[in-house]
Amino acid sequence: MPKIFIMPSILAADMGRLAEECRRAEAAGADALHVDIMDGHFVPNLSMGPDVVKMARAAVKIPLDTHLMVTHPQHLTGAFIKAGANPLLIHVEAQCDVRAVLQDIRQQGVKPGLTLNPETPVESVFPYLADVDEVLFMSVHPGFGGQSFIPQVLPKIAALRRRAPDLDLSIDGGINRATTITAAEHGVNMFVAGTYLFGAADMKAEIAHMRAVIQNSYSKKI
């Protein structure tokens, strides 16, 4: 199986102590931090900008898996790459030349990734598989944390895992102990968890538990 990545989402961290929260996640065994960037247009919410990525890059050594939930990512990739984002993910639904943006990200020395919303057919990412290092499945409607997992994404994940056995497949939305197992069974190897991990009494123990169940459950339903 591809390498397991567990990525606490700093959208769920204590914003008043964000650098400390980033370091806490790294110390707990996180493989990367997930950074959600929202423009108030592609999704009905605003979140963080390049300065937050720059802060996180100075605070931790692990990768910053940065997810641009924006309408026009072509105008923003450079600023986030300069700040330290890597990998950098855009949406297949964005208003841009998707392949050109992905190739530009790679030419800047950063791993490109592609995200699709819960309703988007998995076939929409097939033309770009040679251009990406990661595909992120949204298992909630993007824009807000704390939503419930949408199980209809699972067959799409399994379909892509069969098509691309070695590609990093990530999932974001409603991840907890139960949904970690279900997603791993369908071929996910990268897990974004916000409320579940930052709200845990012992983040280190929860990350260790996730890692064990992912290893034991991976691709059992494919």
Protein backbone atom coordinates (compact mmCIF):
# COMPACT_ATOMS: atom_id res chain seq x y z
CA MET A 1 0.00 0.00 0.00
CA PRO A 2 1.10 3.62 -0.43
CA LYS A 3 2.53 5.34 2.64
CA ILE A 4 0.01 6.31 5.31
CA PHE A 5 -0.33 10.02 5.97
CA ILE A 6 -2.33 11.40 8.88
CA MET A 7 -2.87 15.13 8.54
CA PRO A 8 -4.53 17.20 11.27
CA SER A 9 -6.43 20.10 9.75
CA ILE A 10 -5.45 23.36 11.39
CA LEU A 11 -8.86 24.78 10.51
CA ALA A 12 -9.99 23.05 13.72
CA ALA A 13 -7.06 24.28 15.83
CA ASP A 14 -7.18 27.03 18.44
CA MET A 15 -6.58 30.06 16.23
CA GLY A 16 -5.33 32.05 19.18
CA ARG A 17 -2.44 29.60 19.63
CA LEU A 18 -1.96 28.44 16.07
CA ALA A 19 1.81 28.02 16.00
CA GLU A 20 1.66 26.07 19.26
CA GLU A 21 -1.15 23.91 17.87
CA CYS A 22 0.91 23.14 14.76
CA ARG A 23 3.82 22.03 16.94
CA ARG A 24 1.47 19.95 19.10
CA ALA A 25 0.24 18.06 16.03
CA GLU A 26 3.77 17.43 14.83
CA ALA A 27 4.81 16.16 18.28
CA ALA A 28 1.77 13.86 18.32
CA GLY A 29 3.04 12.04 15.23
CA ALA A 30 1.28 13.82 12.38
CA ASP A 31 2.79 13.12 8.97
CA ALA A 32 1.73 16.52 7.61
CA LEU A 33 -0.54 19.43 8.45
CA HIS A 34 -3.54 20.16 6.27
CA VAL A 35 -4.23 23.82 5.53
CA ASP A 36 -7.62 24.82 4.11
CA ILE A 37 -7.68 28.04 2.10
CA MET A 38 -11.14 29.46 1.36
CA ASP A 39 -11.92 32.52 -0.74
CA GLY A 40 -15.54 33.23 0.23
CA HIS A 41 -16.55 32.63 -3.41
CA PHE A 42 -15.80 29.03 -4.36
CA VAL A 43 -17.05 28.17 -0.86
CA PRO A 44 -19.20 30.39 1.38
CA ASN A 45 -16.49 31.01 3.94
CA LEU A 46 -13.17 32.79 4.33
CA SER A 47 -10.20 31.22 6.04
CA MET A 48 -6.44 31.62 5.93
CA GLY A 49 -3.93 33.22 3.61
CA PRO A 50 -0.26 32.80 2.72
CA ASP A 51 0.91 34.33 6.01
CA VAL A 52 -0.63 31.45 7.95
CA VAL A 53 1.21 28.97 5.71
CA LYS A 54 4.41 30.95 6.29
CA MET A 55 3.86 30.78 10.06
CA ALA A 56 3.21 27.04 9.96
CA ARG A 57 6.30 26.49 7.80
CA ALA A 58 8.41 28.24 10.44
CA ALA A 59 6.75 26.30 13.27
CA VAL A 60 7.08 22.71 12.00
CA LYS A 61 9.22 20.56 9.73
CA ILE A 62 6.47 18.25 8.39
CA PRO A 63 4.81 18.97 5.01
CA LEU A 64 1.98 21.48 4.64
CA ASP A 65 -0.71 19.83 2.51
CA THR A 66 -2.40 23.01 1.32
CA HIS A 67 -5.88 22.87 -0.21
CA LEU A 68 -7.01 25.84 -2.29
CA MET A 69 -10.81 26.04 -2.16
CA VAL A 70 -10.78 29.00 -4.51
CA THR A 71 -12.40 29.90 -7.81
CA HIS A 72 -9.25 31.12 -9.56
CA PRO A 73 -6.24 29.21 -8.16
CA GLN A 74 -4.02 30.34 -11.01
CA HIS A 75 -3.77 33.76 -9.33
CA LEU A 76 -2.73 32.38 -5.93
CA THR A 77 -0.43 29.42 -6.38
CA GLY A 78 2.76 31.47 -6.44
CA ALA A 79 2.05 33.20 -3.14
CA PHE A 80 1.30 29.96 -1.35
CA ILE A 81 4.31 28.16 -2.80
CA LYS A 82 6.54 31.05 -1.70
CA ALA A 83 5.03 30.76 1.79
CA GLY A 84 5.93 27.06 2.00
CA ALA A 85 2.91 25.09 0.76
CA ASN A 86 3.81 21.59 -0.48
CA PRO A 87 1.83 19.71 -1.72
CA LEU A 88 -0.57 22.27 -3.22
CA LEU A 89 -4.04 21.14 -4.28
CA ILE A 90 -6.60 22.83 -6.51
CA HIS A 91 -10.17 21.81 -7.34
CA VAL A 92 -11.12 20.11 -10.57
CA GLU A 93 -14.23 22.34 -10.47
CA ALA A 94 -12.18 25.56 -10.36
CA GLN A 95 -12.41 28.15 -13.14
CA CYS A 96 -9.02 27.65 -14.72
CA ASP A 97 -7.05 25.55 -17.15
CA VAL A 98 -6.63 22.71 -14.68
CA ARG A 99 -3.74 20.98 -16.43
CA ALA A 100 -1.85 24.23 -16.92
CA VAL A 101 -2.16 25.13 -13.23
CA LEU A 102 -1.07 21.66 -12.12
CA GLN A 103 1.93 21.77 -14.43
CA ASP A 104 2.84 25.25 -13.21
CA ILE A 105 2.76 24.05 -9.60
CA ARG A 106 5.14 21.22 -10.47
CA GLN A 107 7.44 23.52 -12.40
CA GLN A 108 7.75 25.61 -9.23
CA GLY A 109 9.11 22.57 -7.41
CA VAL A 110 5.96 21.60 -5.52
CA LYS A 111 3.81 18.46 -5.65
CA PRO A 112 0.48 19.20 -7.35
CA GLY A 113 -2.80 17.67 -6.26
CA LEU A 114 -6.41 17.71 -7.38
CA THR A 115 -9.57 17.83 -5.26
CA LEU A 116 -13.14 16.90 -6.14
CA ASN A 117 -16.37 17.72 -4.33
CA PRO A 118 -18.80 15.02 -3.15
CA GLU A 119 -21.13 15.36 -6.15
CA THR A 120 -18.39 15.49 -8.79
CA PRO A 121 -17.94 12.29 -10.84
CA VAL A 122 -14.61 10.60 -10.26
CA GLU A 123 -14.13 10.44 -14.03
CA SER A 124 -13.49 14.21 -13.95
CA VAL A 125 -9.99 13.62 -12.55
CA PHE A 126 -9.01 10.79 -14.89
CA PRO A 127 -7.52 13.08 -17.59
CA TYR A 128 -5.14 14.60 -15.02
CA LEU A 129 -3.76 11.55 -13.24
CA ALA A 130 -0.36 11.90 -14.90
CA ASP A 131 -0.18 15.49 -13.67
CA VAL A 132 -0.83 14.93 -9.95
CA ASP A 133 0.76 13.34 -6.91
CA GLU A 134 -2.43 13.33 -4.83
CA VAL A 135 -6.20 13.26 -5.31
CA LEU A 136 -8.30 14.54 -2.42
CA PHE A 137 -11.90 13.40 -2.03
CA MET A 138 -14.15 15.77 -0.12
CA SER A 139 -16.46 13.66 2.04
CA VAL A 140 -18.36 16.75 3.20
CA HIS A 141 -19.43 19.88 1.35
CA PRO A 142 -16.37 22.13 1.48
CA GLY A 143 -16.36 25.34 3.44
CA PHE A 144 -17.01 24.46 7.07
CA GLY A 145 -15.64 22.00 9.60
CA GLY A 146 -17.60 19.61 11.79
CA GLN A 147 -19.90 18.17 9.10
CA SER A 148 -21.04 14.55 8.83
CA PHE A 149 -19.33 12.09 6.51
CA ILE A 150 -20.98 11.53 3.08
CA PRO A 151 -20.67 7.78 2.32
CA GLN A 152 -21.56 8.19 -1.35
CA VAL A 153 -17.93 9.15 -2.03
CA LEU A 154 -16.67 5.68 -1.14
CA PRO A 155 -17.40 3.91 -4.47
CA LYS A 156 -15.61 6.75 -6.28
CA ILE A 157 -12.54 6.28 -4.12
CA ALA A 158 -12.51 2.54 -4.79
CA ALA A 159 -12.84 3.16 -8.53
CA LEU A 160 -9.84 5.48 -8.56
CA ARG A 161 -7.78 3.14 -6.38
CA ARG A 162 -8.36 0.33 -8.87
CA ARG A 163 -7.30 2.62 -11.68
CA ALA A 164 -4.27 4.10 -9.87
CA PRO A 165 -2.94 1.59 -7.31
CA ASP A 166 0.09 3.68 -6.32
CA LEU A 167 -1.41 7.18 -6.29
CA ASP A 168 -1.86 9.00 -2.97
CA LEU A 169 -5.60 9.24 -2.28
CA SER A 170 -6.70 11.52 0.53
CA ILE A 171 -10.02 12.22 2.20
CA ASP A 172 -11.31 15.23 4.12
CA GLY A 173 -14.56 15.57 6.02
CA GLY A 174 -16.21 13.80 8.92
CA ILE A 175 -13.18 11.65 9.70
CA ASN A 176 -13.33 9.84 13.04
CA ARG A 177 -12.57 6.34 14.32
CA ALA A 178 -15.41 4.72 12.37
CA THR A 179 -15.02 6.57 9.07
CA THR A 180 -11.25 6.07 9.11
CA ILE A 181 -11.85 2.32 8.85
CA THR A 182 -14.44 2.69 6.09
CA ALA A 183 -12.30 5.04 4.01
CA ALA A 184 -9.21 2.84 4.38
CA GLU A 185 -11.21 -0.18 3.23
CA HIS A 186 -11.99 1.69 0.01
CA GLY A 187 -8.36 2.62 -0.69
CA VAL A 188 -7.60 5.89 1.09
CA ASN A 189 -4.05 6.22 2.43
CA MET A 190 -4.05 9.92 3.41
CA PHE A 191 -6.46 11.17 6.07
CA VAL A 192 -7.35 14.75 6.95
CA ALA A 193 -8.94 15.09 10.38
CA GLY A 194 -9.72 18.37 12.08
CA THR A 195 -12.30 18.26 14.86
CA TYR A 196 -11.52 14.61 15.63
CA LEU A 197 -7.81 15.14 16.25
CA PHE A 198 -7.61 18.67 17.62
CA GLY A 199 -10.54 17.90 19.92
CA ALA A 200 -9.06 14.64 21.18
CA ALA A 201 -7.97 14.34 24.80
CA ASP A 202 -4.78 12.63 23.57
CA MET A 203 -3.96 13.47 19.96
CA LYS A 204 -0.91 11.22 19.95
CA ALA A 205 -2.97 8.20 20.98
CA GLU A 206 -5.63 8.94 18.36
CA ILE A 207 -3.05 9.27 15.59
CA ALA A 208 -1.48 5.96 16.64
CA HIS A 209 -4.93 4.34 16.63
CA MET A 210 -5.70 5.73 13.17
CA ARG A 211 -2.42 4.44 11.80
CA ALA A 212 -3.08 0.94 13.12
CA VAL A 213 -6.61 0.67 11.75
CA ILE A 214 -5.60 2.08 8.36
CA GLN A 215 -2.86 -0.53 8.09
CA ASN A 216 -5.28 -3.31 9.01
CA SER A 217 -8.20 -2.12 6.86
CA TYR A 218 -6.57 -0.81 3.69
CA SER A 219 -8.34 -1.87 0.46
CA LYS A 220 -10.35 -4.69 2.02
CA LYS A 221 -13.46 -3.72 0.05
CA ILE A 222 -11.82 -3.27 -3.35
